[in-house]
Amino acid sequence: MPEPCVGAVVFWDRELLLIQRGQDPGAGQWSLPGGRLEPRETWQDAVEREVKEETCLEVNCGEFVGWVEREASGRRYLIADFFATTDDPSAAVPGDDAQDLAFVAANQINRFDLTAGLKDFLLQHRLITP
C-alpha cells in the first residue's frame, strides 16, 4: 500500500518554490516542498507543516492540484499536491530535510536536477509551459 504524502505548489511573482532534498529519496535533487502525512493529520495541515519544516515559511493551503504516484528505494508513495500561498517569501530559508531552496522562473527550471516525474507533473497541470 502506498504511503500518503503531500506536496506544495507555492508561486511568488510567477516563480515556483523548489527545495533541494537533503535526504533520500532523491537527496540532492530539486522538488516541491512536502512529505509524509502524520497520523490523524489532514492533507491541508500536512502541507502547511511540511512547508514550514522545510522552508520556514508560513503558508495557507489552497486548492488540490493533482496526484502523483512514485516509487523510490523499494517504497511506494501517493502524493497529493496542493497550491499554497505565503505573504512573506523573504522569510524562506532551508529547514529540516532541505539543503537549499529557490524561487524558480519557468524558463529556468531546466537548470535544476529535478526529482523523477516533477517536470512532467508541472507540465501536465499547466503549472509551467514547455
C-alpha atoms as a PDB file:
ATOM      1  CA  MET A   1       0.000   0.000   0.000  1.00  0.00           C
ATOM      2  CA  PRO A   2       1.436   3.423  -0.921  1.00  0.00           C
ATOM      3  CA  GLU A   3       2.444   5.813   1.828  1.00  0.00           C
ATOM      4  CA  PRO A   4       0.340   9.031   1.794  1.00  0.00           C
ATOM      5  CA  CYS A   5       2.346  12.224   1.249  1.00  0.00           C
ATOM      6  CA  VAL A   6       1.753  15.847   0.313  1.00  0.00           C
ATOM      7  CA  GLY A   7       3.464  18.413  -1.878  1.00  0.00           C
ATOM      8  CA  ALA A   8       3.069  22.188  -2.012  1.00  0.00           C
ATOM      9  CA  VAL A   9       2.916  24.294  -5.165  1.00  0.00           C
ATOM     10  CA  VAL A  10       3.939  27.758  -3.990  1.00  0.00           C
ATOM     11  CA  PHE A  11       4.293  30.573  -6.511  1.00  0.00           C
ATOM     12  CA  TRP A  12       5.565  34.058  -5.764  1.00  0.00           C
ATOM     13  CA  ASP A  13       5.762  36.630  -8.522  1.00  0.00           C
ATOM     14  CA  ARG A  14       5.387  33.812 -11.104  1.00  0.00           C
ATOM     15  CA  GLU A  15       8.306  31.858  -9.642  1.00  0.00           C
ATOM     16  CA  LEU A  16       7.885  28.349  -8.224  1.00  0.00           C
ATOM     17  CA  LEU A  17       9.327  27.405  -4.843  1.00  0.00           C
ATOM     18  CA  LEU A  18      11.630  24.384  -5.061  1.00  0.00           C
ATOM     19  CA  ILE A  19      13.680  22.744  -2.344  1.00  0.00           C
ATOM     20  CA  GLN A  20      16.849  20.731  -2.783  1.00  0.00           C
ATOM     21  CA  ARG A  21      16.205  17.478  -0.954  1.00  0.00           C
ATOM     22  CA  GLY A  22      18.553  16.738   1.913  1.00  0.00           C
ATOM     23  CA  GLN A  23      17.629  13.071   2.303  1.00  0.00           C
ATOM     24  CA  ASP A  24      16.586  10.117   0.196  1.00  0.00           C
ATOM     25  CA  PRO A  25      14.585   9.523  -1.806  1.00  0.00           C
ATOM     26  CA  GLY A  26      16.142  11.989  -4.211  1.00  0.00           C
ATOM     27  CA  ALA A  27      18.812  13.534  -1.977  1.00  0.00           C
ATOM     28  CA  GLY A  28      20.429  16.447  -3.812  1.00  0.00           C
ATOM     29  CA  GLN A  29      17.614  16.757  -6.337  1.00  0.00           C
ATOM     30  CA  TRP A  30      15.105  19.590  -6.506  1.00  0.00           C
ATOM     31  CA  SER A  31      11.446  19.079  -5.722  1.00  0.00           C
ATOM     32  CA  LEU A  32       8.332  20.701  -4.342  1.00  0.00           C
ATOM     33  CA  PRO A  33       8.335  21.042  -0.558  1.00  0.00           C
ATOM     34  CA  GLY A  34       6.395  18.223   1.050  1.00  0.00           C
ATOM     35  CA  GLY A  35       6.497  14.964   2.903  1.00  0.00           C
ATOM     36  CA  ARG A  36       4.602  12.266   4.728  1.00  0.00           C
ATOM     37  CA  LEU A  37       1.187  12.620   6.300  1.00  0.00           C
ATOM     38  CA  GLU A  38       1.239  12.111  10.070  1.00  0.00           C
ATOM     39  CA  PRO A  39      -1.441  10.044  11.855  1.00  0.00           C
ATOM     40  CA  ARG A  40      -4.781  11.888  12.180  1.00  0.00           C
ATOM     41  CA  GLU A  41      -3.413  14.860  10.208  1.00  0.00           C
ATOM     42  CA  THR A  42      -5.454  16.424   7.412  1.00  0.00           C
ATOM     43  CA  TRP A  43      -3.930  16.830   3.956  1.00  0.00           C
ATOM     44  CA  GLN A  44      -4.079  20.613   4.371  1.00  0.00           C
ATOM     45  CA  ASP A  45      -2.410  20.586   7.805  1.00  0.00           C
ATOM     46  CA  ALA A  46       0.328  18.331   6.417  1.00  0.00           C
ATOM     47  CA  VAL A  47       1.015  20.776   3.559  1.00  0.00           C
ATOM     48  CA  GLU A  48       1.333  23.719   5.958  1.00  0.00           C
ATOM     49  CA  ARG A  49       3.521  21.763   8.404  1.00  0.00           C
ATOM     50  CA  GLU A  50       5.833  20.352   5.731  1.00  0.00           C
ATOM     51  CA  VAL A  51       6.398  23.727   4.057  1.00  0.00           C
ATOM     52  CA  LYS A  52       7.202  25.296   7.443  1.00  0.00           C
ATOM     53  CA  GLU A  53       9.605  22.463   8.348  1.00  0.00           C
ATOM     54  CA  GLU A  54      11.437  22.584   5.009  1.00  0.00           C
ATOM     55  CA  THR A  55      11.420  26.323   4.250  1.00  0.00           C
ATOM     56  CA  CYS A  56      10.451  28.139   7.496  1.00  0.00           C
ATOM     57  CA  LEU A  57       7.573  29.725   5.542  1.00  0.00           C
ATOM     58  CA  GLU A  58       4.079  30.116   6.918  1.00  0.00           C
ATOM     59  CA  VAL A  59       1.650  29.129   4.155  1.00  0.00           C
ATOM     60  CA  ASN A  60      -2.060  28.675   3.707  1.00  0.00           C
ATOM     61  CA  CYS A  61      -3.046  25.502   1.904  1.00  0.00           C
ATOM     62  CA  GLY A  62      -5.299  26.090  -1.068  1.00  0.00           C
ATOM     63  CA  GLU A  63      -6.849  24.033  -3.838  1.00  0.00           C
ATOM     64  CA  PHE A  64      -5.910  20.486  -4.705  1.00  0.00           C
ATOM     65  CA  VAL A  65      -3.732  20.277  -7.842  1.00  0.00           C
ATOM     66  CA  GLY A  66      -3.329  16.569  -8.505  1.00  0.00           C
ATOM     67  CA  TRP A  67      -1.991  13.151  -7.512  1.00  0.00           C
ATOM     68  CA  VAL A  68       1.440  11.671  -8.133  1.00  0.00           C
ATOM     69  CA  GLU A  69       2.363   8.069  -7.516  1.00  0.00           C
ATOM     70  CA  ARG A  70       6.070   7.468  -7.087  1.00  0.00           C
ATOM     71  CA  GLU A  71       8.307   4.551  -6.243  1.00  0.00           C
ATOM     72  CA  ALA A  72      11.724   5.054  -4.695  1.00  0.00           C
ATOM     73  CA  SER A  73      14.055   2.872  -2.660  1.00  0.00           C
ATOM     74  CA  GLY A  74      11.578  -0.014  -2.803  1.00  0.00           C
ATOM     75  CA  ARG A  75       8.719   2.052  -1.317  1.00  0.00           C
ATOM     76  CA  ARG A  76       5.611   3.481  -2.952  1.00  0.00           C
ATOM     77  CA  TYR A  77       4.297   6.968  -2.265  1.00  0.00           C
ATOM     78  CA  LEU A  78       0.943   8.540  -3.140  1.00  0.00           C
ATOM     79  CA  ILE A  79       1.449  12.305  -3.160  1.00  0.00           C
ATOM     80  CA  ALA A  80      -1.412  14.815  -3.045  1.00  0.00           C
ATOM     81  CA  ASP A  81      -0.187  18.170  -4.349  1.00  0.00           C
ATOM     82  CA  PHE A  82      -1.927  21.384  -3.300  1.00  0.00           C
ATOM     83  CA  PHE A  83      -1.492  25.053  -4.074  1.00  0.00           C
ATOM     84  CA  ALA A  84      -0.241  27.052  -1.090  1.00  0.00           C
ATOM     85  CA  THR A  85       0.246  30.781  -0.586  1.00  0.00           C
ATOM     86  CA  THR A  86       2.542  32.863   1.577  1.00  0.00           C
ATOM     87  CA  ASP A  87       2.571  36.535   2.495  1.00  0.00           C
ATOM     88  CA  ASP A  88       6.324  36.743   3.097  1.00  0.00           C
ATOM     89  CA  PRO A  89       8.566  34.748   0.739  1.00  0.00           C
ATOM     90  CA  SER A  90      11.621  36.628   2.037  1.00  0.00           C
ATOM     91  CA  ALA A  91      11.392  34.512   5.203  1.00  0.00           C
ATOM     92  CA  ALA A  92      12.234  31.360   3.238  1.00  0.00           C
ATOM     93  CA  VAL A  93      15.382  29.556   4.412  1.00  0.00           C
ATOM     94  CA  PRO A  94      16.274  25.868   4.116  1.00  0.00           C
ATOM     95  CA  GLY A  95      14.992  23.940   7.100  1.00  0.00           C
ATOM     96  CA  ASP A  96      14.501  20.294   8.014  1.00  0.00           C
ATOM     97  CA  ASP A  97      15.243  17.914   5.108  1.00  0.00           C
ATOM     98  CA  ALA A  98      16.218  20.755   2.720  1.00  0.00           C
ATOM     99  CA  GLN A  99      19.778  21.550   1.639  1.00  0.00           C
ATOM    100  CA  ASP A 100      18.746  24.644  -0.271  1.00  0.00           C
ATOM    101  CA  LEU A 101      15.712  26.374  -1.754  1.00  0.00           C
ATOM    102  CA  ALA A 102      14.935  28.703  -4.626  1.00  0.00           C
ATOM    103  CA  PHE A 103      12.069  30.502  -6.298  1.00  0.00           C
ATOM    104  CA  VAL A 104      12.485  29.481  -9.929  1.00  0.00           C
ATOM    105  CA  ALA A 105      11.107  31.058 -13.103  1.00  0.00           C
ATOM    106  CA  ALA A 106       9.588  28.561 -15.544  1.00  0.00           C
ATOM    107  CA  ASN A 107      12.250  29.327 -18.154  1.00  0.00           C
ATOM    108  CA  GLN A 108      14.978  28.420 -15.634  1.00  0.00           C
ATOM    109  CA  ILE A 109      13.551  25.110 -14.412  1.00  0.00           C
ATOM    110  CA  ASN A 110      15.691  23.003 -16.788  1.00  0.00           C
ATOM    111  CA  ARG A 111      18.807  24.211 -14.975  1.00  0.00           C
ATOM    112  CA  PHE A 112      17.771  22.205 -11.915  1.00  0.00           C
ATOM    113  CA  ASP A 113      18.173  18.460 -11.357  1.00  0.00           C
ATOM    114  CA  LEU A 114      14.505  17.721 -10.639  1.00  0.00           C
ATOM    115  CA  THR A 115      13.136  14.619  -8.942  1.00  0.00           C
ATOM    116  CA  ALA A 116      11.714  11.990 -11.291  1.00  0.00           C
ATOM    117  CA  GLY A 117       8.412  12.996 -12.816  1.00  0.00           C
ATOM    118  CA  LEU A 118       8.274  16.536 -11.404  1.00  0.00           C
ATOM    119  CA  LYS A 119       8.656  18.358 -14.707  1.00  0.00           C
ATOM    120  CA  ASP A 120       6.013  16.121 -16.319  1.00  0.00           C
ATOM    121  CA  PHE A 121       3.630  16.844 -13.424  1.00  0.00           C
ATOM    122  CA  LEU A 122       4.193  20.597 -13.732  1.00  0.00           C
ATOM    123  CA  LEU A 123       3.586  20.469 -17.492  1.00  0.00           C
ATOM    124  CA  GLN A 124       0.564  18.166 -17.215  1.00  0.00           C
ATOM    125  CA  HIS A 125      -1.136  20.543 -14.763  1.00  0.00           C
ATOM    126  CA  ARG A 126      -0.084  23.612 -16.767  1.00  0.00           C
ATOM    127  CA  LEU A 127       1.943  24.990 -13.879  1.00  0.00           C
ATOM    128  CA  ILE A 128       4.753  25.651 -16.349  1.00  0.00           C
ATOM    129  CA  THR A 129       4.794  25.765 -20.140  1.00  0.00           C
ATOM    130  CA  PRO A 130       7.230  23.877 -22.395  1.00  0.00           C
END
